[in-house]
PDB file of N, CA and C in Angstrom:
ATOM      1  N   MET A   1      46.331  65.973 -23.980  1.00  0.00           N
ATOM      2  CA  MET A   1      46.832  65.461 -22.798  1.00  0.00           C
ATOM      3  C   MET A   1      45.663  65.003 -21.851  1.00  0.00           C
ATOM      4  N   SER A   2      44.561  65.481 -22.054  1.00  0.00           N
ATOM      5  CA  SER A   2      43.329  65.099 -21.261  1.00  0.00           C
ATOM      6  C   SER A   2      42.447  64.271 -22.062  1.00  0.00           C
ATOM      7  N   ASP A   3      42.958  63.358 -22.933  1.00  0.00           N
ATOM      8  CA  ASP A   3      42.143  62.476 -23.799  1.00  0.00           C
ATOM      9  C   ASP A   3      41.464  61.398 -22.953  1.00  0.00           C
ATOM     10  N   GLY A   4      41.979  60.991 -21.849  1.00  0.00           N
ATOM     11  CA  GLY A   4      41.381  59.977 -21.025  1.00  0.00           C
ATOM     12  C   GLY A   4      40.423  60.401 -19.975  1.00  0.00           C
ATOM     13  N   ILE A   5      40.113  61.686 -19.937  1.00  0.00           N
ATOM     14  CA  ILE A   5      39.163  62.180 -18.932  1.00  0.00           C
ATOM     15  C   ILE A   5      37.838  61.991 -19.453  1.00  0.00           C
ATOM     16  N   ALA A   6      36.919  61.487 -18.486  1.00  0.00           N
ATOM     17  CA  ALA A   6      35.566  61.179 -18.921  1.00  0.00           C
ATOM     18  C   ALA A   6      34.634  62.295 -19.146  1.00  0.00           C
ATOM     19  N   GLY A   7      34.466  63.255 -19.487  1.00  0.00           N
ATOM     20  CA  GLY A   7      33.682  64.367 -19.873  1.00  0.00           C
ATOM     21  C   GLY A   7      34.360  65.205 -20.703  1.00  0.00           C
ATOM     22  N   SER A   8      33.977  65.292 -21.965  1.00  0.00           N
ATOM     23  CA  SER A   8      34.620  66.227 -22.932  1.00  0.00           C
ATOM     24  C   SER A   8      34.097  67.538 -22.884  1.00  0.00           C
ATOM     25  N   THR A   9      34.922  68.554 -23.214  1.00  0.00           N
ATOM     26  CA  THR A   9      34.491  69.930 -23.122  1.00  0.00           C
ATOM     27  C   THR A   9      34.429  70.425 -24.646  1.00  0.00           C
ATOM     28  N   ASP A  10      33.503  71.425 -24.860  1.00  0.00           N
ATOM     29  CA  ASP A  10      33.562  72.018 -26.111  1.00  0.00           C
ATOM     30  C   ASP A  10      34.440  73.239 -26.058  1.00  0.00           C
ATOM     31  N   SER A  11      34.521  73.982 -27.114  1.00  0.00           N
ATOM     32  CA  SER A  11      35.461  75.139 -27.192  1.00  0.00           C
ATOM     33  C   SER A  11      35.311  76.145 -26.184  1.00  0.00           C
ATOM     34  N   ALA A  12      34.024  76.279 -25.589  1.00  0.00           N
ATOM     35  CA  ALA A  12      33.860  77.321 -24.593  1.00  0.00           C
ATOM     36  C   ALA A  12      34.190  76.841 -23.187  1.00  0.00           C
ATOM     37  N   GLY A  13      34.433  75.452 -23.034  1.00  0.00           N
ATOM     38  CA  GLY A  13      34.880  74.918 -21.778  1.00  0.00           C
ATOM     39  C   GLY A  13      33.777  74.322 -20.990  1.00  0.00           C
ATOM     40  N   ALA A  14      32.513  74.341 -21.519  1.00  0.00           N
ATOM     41  CA  ALA A  14      31.267  73.720 -20.926  1.00  0.00           C
ATOM     42  C   ALA A  14      31.346  72.204 -21.048  1.00  0.00           C
ATOM     43  N   ASP A  15      30.905  71.606 -20.108  1.00  0.00           N
ATOM     44  CA  ASP A  15      30.789  70.075 -20.268  1.00  0.00           C
ATOM     45  C   ASP A  15      29.715  69.755 -21.195  1.00  0.00           C
ATOM     46  N   VAL A  16      30.070  68.689 -21.993  1.00  0.00           N
ATOM     47  CA  VAL A  16      29.000  68.183 -23.044  1.00  0.00           C
ATOM     48  C   VAL A  16      28.574  66.860 -22.461  1.00  0.00           C
ATOM     49  N   ALA A  17      28.032  66.819 -21.302  1.00  0.00           N
ATOM     50  CA  ALA A  17      27.610  65.567 -20.664  1.00  0.00           C
ATOM     51  C   ALA A  17      26.072  65.415 -21.134  1.00  0.00           C
ATOM     52  N   GLN A  18      25.879  64.154 -21.678  1.00  0.00           N
ATOM     53  CA  GLN A  18      24.608  63.748 -22.188  1.00  0.00           C
ATOM     54  C   GLN A  18      23.932  62.765 -21.083  1.00  0.00           C
ATOM     55  N   ALA A  19      24.590  62.556 -20.021  1.00  0.00           N
ATOM     56  CA  ALA A  19      23.975  61.572 -18.990  1.00  0.00           C
ATOM     57  C   ALA A  19      22.866  62.264 -18.181  1.00  0.00           C
ATOM     58  N   ASP A  20      22.768  63.591 -18.309  1.00  0.00           N
ATOM     59  CA  ASP A  20      21.739  64.315 -17.628  1.00  0.00           C
ATOM     60  C   ASP A  20      20.385  64.055 -18.138  1.00  0.00           C
ATOM     61  N   THR A  21      20.256  63.788 -19.438  1.00  0.00           N
ATOM     62  CA  THR A  21      18.943  63.540 -20.081  1.00  0.00           C
ATOM     63  C   THR A  21      18.480  62.030 -19.777  1.00  0.00           C
ATOM     64  N   ALA A  22      17.324  61.932 -19.309  1.00  0.00           N
ATOM     65  CA  ALA A  22      16.727  60.675 -18.840  1.00  0.00           C
ATOM     66  C   ALA A  22      15.889  60.094 -20.055  1.00  0.00           C
ATOM     67  N   ALA A  23      16.079  58.813 -20.313  1.00  0.00           N
ATOM     68  CA  ALA A  23      15.337  58.202 -21.298  1.00  0.00           C
ATOM     69  C   ALA A  23      13.653  58.190 -20.944  1.00  0.00           C
ATOM     70  N   VAL A  24      12.942  58.425 -21.923  1.00  0.00           N
ATOM     71  CA  VAL A  24      11.505  58.442 -21.667  1.00  0.00           C
ATOM     72  C   VAL A  24      10.884  57.353 -22.507  1.00  0.00           C
ATOM     73  N   THR A  25      10.169  56.494 -21.829  1.00  0.00           N
ATOM     74  CA  THR A  25       9.386  55.444 -22.487  1.00  0.00           C
ATOM     75  C   THR A  25       7.987  55.736 -22.615  1.00  0.00           C
ATOM     76  N   THR A  26       7.431  55.763 -23.884  1.00  0.00           N
ATOM     77  CA  THR A  26       6.084  55.992 -24.004  1.00  0.00           C
ATOM     78  C   THR A  26       5.231  54.762 -24.015  1.00  0.00           C
ATOM     79  N   VAL A  27       4.058  54.816 -23.555  1.00  0.00           N
ATOM     80  CA  VAL A  27       3.226  53.589 -23.511  1.00  0.00           C
ATOM     81  C   VAL A  27       1.956  53.977 -24.317  1.00  0.00           C
ATOM     82  N   SER A  28       1.883  53.282 -25.395  1.00  0.00           N
ATOM     83  CA  SER A  28       0.599  53.526 -26.352  1.00  0.00           C
ATOM     84  C   SER A  28      -0.605  52.861 -25.789  1.00  0.00           C
ATOM     85  N   SER A  29      -1.749  53.121 -26.300  1.00  0.00           N
ATOM     86  CA  SER A  29      -2.996  52.628 -25.810  1.00  0.00           C
ATOM     87  C   SER A  29      -3.098  51.116 -26.223  1.00  0.00           C
ATOM     88  N   HIS A  30      -2.437  50.742 -27.434  1.00  0.00           N
ATOM     89  CA  HIS A  30      -2.493  49.420 -27.784  1.00  0.00           C
ATOM     90  C   HIS A  30      -1.716  48.536 -26.726  1.00  0.00           C
ATOM     91  N   PHE A  31      -0.575  48.987 -26.289  1.00  0.00           N
ATOM     92  CA  PHE A  31       0.179  48.273 -25.307  1.00  0.00           C
ATOM     93  C   PHE A  31      -0.577  48.237 -23.941  1.00  0.00           C
ATOM     94  N   LYS A  32      -1.260  49.173 -23.589  1.00  0.00           N
ATOM     95  CA  LYS A  32      -2.034  49.130 -22.349  1.00  0.00           C
ATOM     96  C   LYS A  32      -3.215  48.074 -22.415  1.00  0.00           C
ATOM     97  N   MET A  33      -3.794  48.044 -23.579  1.00  0.00           N
ATOM     98  CA  MET A  33      -4.893  47.069 -23.843  1.00  0.00           C
ATOM     99  C   MET A  33      -4.405  45.666 -23.795  1.00  0.00           C
ATOM    100  N   VAL A  34      -3.305  45.443 -24.339  1.00  0.00           N
ATOM    101  CA  VAL A  34      -2.743  44.060 -24.367  1.00  0.00           C
ATOM    102  C   VAL A  34      -2.269  43.766 -22.961  1.00  0.00           C
ATOM    103  N   PHE A  35      -1.498  44.622 -22.320  1.00  0.00           N
ATOM    104  CA  PHE A  35      -1.075  44.356 -20.987  1.00  0.00           C
ATOM    105  C   PHE A  35      -2.130  44.109 -20.024  1.00  0.00           C
ATOM    106  N   ILE A  36      -3.248  44.800 -20.055  1.00  0.00           N
ATOM    107  CA  ILE A  36      -4.406  44.628 -19.153  1.00  0.00           C
ATOM    108  C   ILE A  36      -5.128  43.329 -19.524  1.00  0.00           C
ATOM    109  N   ALA A  37      -5.269  43.048 -20.753  1.00  0.00           N
ATOM    110  CA  ALA A  37      -5.793  41.693 -21.155  1.00  0.00           C
ATOM    111  C   ALA A  37      -5.048  40.529 -20.526  1.00  0.00           C
ATOM    112  N   VAL A  38      -3.775  40.620 -20.678  1.00  0.00           N
ATOM    113  CA  VAL A  38      -2.925  39.592 -20.160  1.00  0.00           C
ATOM    114  C   VAL A  38      -3.061  39.441 -18.655  1.00  0.00           C
ATOM    115  N   VAL A  39      -3.008  40.581 -17.959  1.00  0.00           N
ATOM    116  CA  VAL A  39      -3.142  40.553 -16.556  1.00  0.00           C
ATOM    117  C   VAL A  39      -4.445  40.011 -16.093  1.00  0.00           C
ATOM    118  N   VAL A  40      -5.577  40.346 -16.784  1.00  0.00           N
ATOM    119  CA  VAL A  40      -6.930  39.873 -16.430  1.00  0.00           C
ATOM    120  C   VAL A  40      -7.003  38.401 -16.659  1.00  0.00           C
ATOM    121  N   ILE A  41      -6.490  37.956 -17.752  1.00  0.00           N
ATOM    122  CA  ILE A  41      -6.430  36.438 -17.987  1.00  0.00           C
ATOM    123  C   ILE A  41      -5.620  35.557 -17.027  1.00  0.00           C
ATOM    124  N   THR A  42      -4.459  36.165 -16.644  1.00  0.00           N
ATOM    125  CA  THR A  42      -3.595  35.540 -15.757  1.00  0.00           C
ATOM    126  C   THR A  42      -4.203  35.467 -14.258  1.00  0.00           C
ATOM    127  N   VAL A  43      -4.782  36.649 -13.844  1.00  0.00           N
ATOM    128  CA  VAL A  43      -5.375  36.604 -12.487  1.00  0.00           C
ATOM    129  C   VAL A  43      -6.686  35.721 -12.515  1.00  0.00           C
ATOM    130  N   GLY A  44      -7.407  35.714 -13.538  1.00  0.00           N
ATOM    131  CA  GLY A  44      -8.613  34.909 -13.687  1.00  0.00           C
ATOM    132  C   GLY A  44      -8.263  33.475 -13.628  1.00  0.00           C
ATOM    133  N   ALA A  45      -7.231  33.059 -14.385  1.00  0.00           N
ATOM    134  CA  ALA A  45      -6.714  31.561 -14.302  1.00  0.00           C
ATOM    135  C   ALA A  45      -6.245  31.301 -12.897  1.00  0.00           C
ATOM    136  N   LEU A  46      -5.510  32.213 -12.230  1.00  0.00           N
ATOM    137  CA  LEU A  46      -5.021  31.938 -10.981  1.00  0.00           C
ATOM    138  C   LEU A  46      -6.214  31.815  -9.877  1.00  0.00           C
ATOM    139  N   ALA A  47      -7.170  32.667 -10.027  1.00  0.00           N
ATOM    140  CA  ALA A  47      -8.235  32.554  -9.216  1.00  0.00           C
ATOM    141  C   ALA A  47      -9.063  31.271  -9.359  1.00  0.00           C
ATOM    142  N   ALA A  48      -9.276  30.896 -10.628  1.00  0.00           N
ATOM    143  CA  ALA A  48      -9.928  29.557 -10.899  1.00  0.00           C
ATOM    144  C   ALA A  48      -9.138  28.465 -10.264  1.00  0.00           C
ATOM    145  N   ASN A  49      -7.894  28.499 -10.442  1.00  0.00           N
ATOM    146  CA  ASN A  49      -7.039  27.256  -9.853  1.00  0.00           C
ATOM    147  C   ASN A  49      -7.243  27.389  -8.356  1.00  0.00           C
ATOM    148  N   LEU A  50      -7.162  28.492  -7.680  1.00  0.00           N
ATOM    149  CA  LEU A  50      -7.290  28.526  -6.286  1.00  0.00           C
ATOM    150  C   LEU A  50      -8.757  28.107  -5.772  1.00  0.00           C
ATOM    151  N   TYR A  51      -9.726  28.570  -6.559  1.00  0.00           N
ATOM    152  CA  TYR A  51     -11.145  28.128  -6.299  1.00  0.00           C
ATOM    153  C   TYR A  51     -11.370  26.663  -6.247  1.00  0.00           C
ATOM    154  N   ILE A  52     -10.853  26.104  -7.437  1.00  0.00           N
ATOM    155  CA  ILE A  52     -10.942  24.628  -7.484  1.00  0.00           C
ATOM    156  C   ILE A  52     -10.122  23.895  -6.323  1.00  0.00           C
ATOM    157  N   ALA A  53      -9.041  24.427  -6.007  1.00  0.00           N
ATOM    158  CA  ALA A  53      -8.165  23.760  -5.037  1.00  0.00           C
ATOM    159  C   ALA A  53      -8.746  23.909  -3.604  1.00  0.00           C
ATOM    160  N   ILE A  54      -9.496  25.060  -3.340  1.00  0.00           N
ATOM    161  CA  ILE A  54     -10.050  25.265  -2.005  1.00  0.00           C
ATOM    162  C   ILE A  54     -11.452  24.725  -1.915  1.00  0.00           C
ATOM    163  N   PHE A  55     -12.196  24.774  -2.843  1.00  0.00           N
ATOM    164  CA  PHE A  55     -13.639  24.489  -2.612  1.00  0.00           C
ATOM    165  C   PHE A  55     -14.186  23.212  -3.166  1.00  0.00           C
ATOM    166  N   VAL A  56     -13.182  22.400  -3.838  1.00  0.00           N
ATOM    167  CA  VAL A  56     -13.667  21.139  -4.314  1.00  0.00           C
ATOM    168  C   VAL A  56     -12.971  20.153  -3.311  1.00  0.00           C
ATOM    169  N   PRO A  57     -13.706  19.389  -2.498  1.00  0.00           N
ATOM    170  CA  PRO A  57     -13.278  18.552  -1.500  1.00  0.00           C
ATOM    171  C   PRO A  57     -12.531  17.335  -1.952  1.00  0.00           C
ATOM    172  N   LYS A  58     -13.067  16.608  -2.938  1.00  0.00           N
ATOM    173  CA  LYS A  58     -12.398  15.570  -3.505  1.00  0.00           C
ATOM    174  C   LYS A  58     -12.370  15.667  -5.013  1.00  0.00           C
ATOM    175  N   PRO A  59     -11.337  16.315  -5.486  1.00  0.00           N
ATOM    176  CA  PRO A  59     -11.203  16.668  -6.964  1.00  0.00           C
ATOM    177  C   PRO A  59     -11.163  15.297  -7.771  1.00  0.00           C
ATOM    178  N   THR A  60     -11.899  15.378  -8.868  1.00  0.00           N
ATOM    179  CA  THR A  60     -11.920  14.325  -9.815  1.00  0.00           C
ATOM    180  C   THR A  60     -10.726  14.477 -10.777  1.00  0.00           C
ATOM    181  N   GLU A  61     -10.598  13.608 -11.799  1.00  0.00           N
ATOM    182  CA  GLU A  61      -9.571  13.665 -12.735  1.00  0.00           C
ATOM    183  C   GLU A  61      -9.800  14.978 -13.606  1.00  0.00           C
ATOM    184  N   ALA A  62     -11.067  15.257 -13.845  1.00  0.00           N
ATOM    185  CA  ALA A  62     -11.378  16.417 -14.629  1.00  0.00           C
ATOM    186  C   ALA A  62     -10.992  17.699 -13.920  1.00  0.00           C
ATOM    187  N   ALA A  63     -11.254  17.764 -12.555  1.00  0.00           N
ATOM    188  CA  ALA A  63     -10.932  18.943 -11.723  1.00  0.00           C
ATOM    189  C   ALA A  63      -9.369  19.082 -11.647  1.00  0.00           C
ATOM    190  N   LYS A  64      -8.676  18.005 -11.569  1.00  0.00           N
ATOM    191  CA  LYS A  64      -7.222  17.969 -11.451  1.00  0.00           C
ATOM    192  C   LYS A  64      -6.698  18.506 -12.828  1.00  0.00           C
ATOM    193  N   SER A  65      -7.329  18.115 -13.958  1.00  0.00           N
ATOM    194  CA  SER A  65      -6.831  18.552 -15.161  1.00  0.00           C
ATOM    195  C   SER A  65      -7.146  20.017 -15.370  1.00  0.00           C
ATOM    196  N   ALA A  66      -8.251  20.421 -14.903  1.00  0.00           N
ATOM    197  CA  ALA A  66      -8.561  21.925 -14.993  1.00  0.00           C
ATOM    198  C   ALA A  66      -7.551  22.763 -14.152  1.00  0.00           C
ATOM    199  N   MET A  67      -7.256  22.167 -13.007  1.00  0.00           N
ATOM    200  CA  MET A  67      -6.301  22.903 -12.099  1.00  0.00           C
ATOM    201  C   MET A  67      -4.903  22.949 -12.824  1.00  0.00           C
ATOM    202  N   ASP A  68      -4.444  21.945 -13.494  1.00  0.00           N
ATOM    203  CA  ASP A  68      -3.199  21.898 -14.147  1.00  0.00           C
ATOM    204  C   ASP A  68      -3.254  22.891 -15.320  1.00  0.00           C
ATOM    205  N   THR A  69      -4.445  22.932 -16.066  1.00  0.00           N
ATOM    206  CA  THR A  69      -4.532  23.913 -17.195  1.00  0.00           C
ATOM    207  C   THR A  69      -4.508  25.323 -16.625  1.00  0.00           C
ATOM    208  N   CYS A  70      -5.174  25.686 -15.564  1.00  0.00           N
ATOM    209  CA  CYS A  70      -5.144  26.966 -14.958  1.00  0.00           C
ATOM    210  C   CYS A  70      -3.747  27.367 -14.578  1.00  0.00           C
ATOM    211  N   ALA A  71      -3.089  26.419 -13.954  1.00  0.00           N
ATOM    212  CA  ALA A  71      -1.701  26.694 -13.428  1.00  0.00           C
ATOM    213  C   ALA A  71      -0.819  26.979 -14.620  1.00  0.00           C
ATOM    214  N   THR A  72      -1.020  26.294 -15.653  1.00  0.00           N
ATOM    215  CA  THR A  72      -0.184  26.502 -16.918  1.00  0.00           C
ATOM    216  C   THR A  72      -0.479  27.853 -17.488  1.00  0.00           C
ATOM    217  N   ILE A  73      -1.711  28.226 -17.522  1.00  0.00           N
ATOM    218  CA  ILE A  73      -2.170  29.562 -18.076  1.00  0.00           C
ATOM    219  C   ILE A  73      -1.608  30.609 -17.286  1.00  0.00           C
ATOM    220  N   ALA A  74      -1.587  30.421 -15.890  1.00  0.00           N
ATOM    221  CA  ALA A  74      -1.094  31.455 -14.986  1.00  0.00           C
ATOM    222  C   ALA A  74       0.415  31.628 -15.150  1.00  0.00           C
ATOM    223  N   ASN A  75       1.122  30.580 -15.386  1.00  0.00           N
ATOM    224  CA  ASN A  75       2.562  30.588 -15.510  1.00  0.00           C
ATOM    225  C   ASN A  75       2.890  31.299 -16.882  1.00  0.00           C
ATOM    226  N   LEU A  76       2.208  31.026 -17.949  1.00  0.00           N
ATOM    227  CA  LEU A  76       2.397  31.669 -19.241  1.00  0.00           C
ATOM    228  C   LEU A  76       2.056  33.096 -19.131  1.00  0.00           C
ATOM    229  N   GLY A  77       0.960  33.475 -18.375  1.00  0.00           N
ATOM    230  CA  GLY A  77       0.629  34.859 -18.132  1.00  0.00           C
ATOM    231  C   GLY A  77       1.722  35.640 -17.493  1.00  0.00           C
ATOM    232  N   PHE A  78       2.267  35.032 -16.430  1.00  0.00           N
ATOM    233  CA  PHE A  78       3.345  35.735 -15.611  1.00  0.00           C
ATOM    234  C   PHE A  78       4.562  35.948 -16.584  1.00  0.00           C
ATOM    235  N   GLY A  79       4.796  34.927 -17.468  1.00  0.00           N
ATOM    236  CA  GLY A  79       5.930  35.148 -18.315  1.00  0.00           C
ATOM    237  C   GLY A  79       5.666  36.169 -19.403  1.00  0.00           C
ATOM    238  N   ALA A  80       4.371  36.229 -19.880  1.00  0.00           N
ATOM    239  CA  ALA A  80       4.082  37.288 -20.758  1.00  0.00           C
ATOM    240  C   ALA A  80       4.121  38.645 -20.197  1.00  0.00           C
ATOM    241  N   ILE A  81       3.763  38.711 -18.901  1.00  0.00           N
ATOM    242  CA  ILE A  81       3.793  40.194 -18.320  1.00  0.00           C
ATOM    243  C   ILE A  81       5.238  40.536 -18.185  1.00  0.00           C
ATOM    244  N   VAL A  82       6.177  39.650 -17.764  1.00  0.00           N
ATOM    245  CA  VAL A  82       7.558  39.960 -17.700  1.00  0.00           C
ATOM    246  C   VAL A  82       8.129  40.345 -19.036  1.00  0.00           C
ATOM    247  N   GLY A  83       7.731  39.532 -20.040  1.00  0.00           N
ATOM    248  CA  GLY A  83       8.205  39.793 -21.361  1.00  0.00           C
ATOM    249  C   GLY A  83       7.741  41.179 -21.854  1.00  0.00           C
ATOM    250  N   LEU A  84       6.450  41.497 -21.606  1.00  0.00           N
ATOM    251  CA  LEU A  84       5.932  42.791 -22.142  1.00  0.00           C
ATOM    252  C   LEU A  84       6.707  43.940 -21.337  1.00  0.00           C
ATOM    253  N   LEU A  85       6.778  43.843 -20.056  1.00  0.00           N
ATOM    254  CA  LEU A  85       7.529  44.882 -19.352  1.00  0.00           C
ATOM    255  C   LEU A  85       9.020  45.025 -19.692  1.00  0.00           C
ATOM    256  N   GLY A  86       9.742  43.868 -19.994  1.00  0.00           N
ATOM    257  CA  GLY A  86      11.052  43.865 -20.470  1.00  0.00           C
ATOM    258  C   GLY A  86      11.244  44.443 -21.781  1.00  0.00           C
ATOM    259  N   GLY A  87      10.372  44.052 -22.680  1.00  0.00           N
ATOM    260  CA  GLY A  87      10.398  44.602 -23.996  1.00  0.00           C
ATOM    261  C   GLY A  87      10.141  46.113 -23.994  1.00  0.00           C
ATOM    262  N   LYS A  88       9.283  46.591 -23.226  1.00  0.00           N
ATOM    263  CA  LYS A  88       9.054  48.034 -23.152  1.00  0.00           C
ATOM    264  C   LYS A  88      10.175  48.792 -22.414  1.00  0.00           C
ATOM    265  N   ALA A  89      10.925  48.254 -21.618  1.00  0.00           N
ATOM    266  CA  ALA A  89      12.115  48.821 -20.923  1.00  0.00           C
ATOM    267  C   ALA A  89      13.301  49.113 -21.766  1.00  0.00           C
ATOM    268  N   VAL A  90      13.338  48.296 -22.896  1.00  0.00           N
ATOM    269  CA  VAL A  90      14.507  48.406 -23.802  1.00  0.00           C
ATOM    270  C   VAL A  90      14.444  49.557 -24.655  1.00  0.00           C
TER     271      VAL A  90
END
């Protein structure tokens, strides 16, 4: 009669709720190394892009190309960071 109730009970009447246990995500040293490397490369590319944009008064085509490359690397780095964190959360 109580088949539709959300918490099943065992023969002693105690709740058999497994929602109390939290999932634990372990982070290996390999993951930390890759994550830190991606963060360093991303921040470095972003810093180089900002440096060229701020301190080069009249950028040449080469400077503009370097800025575009740094912006692309920074975008890819942010995507990799999100992907690494999302993959670890699953």
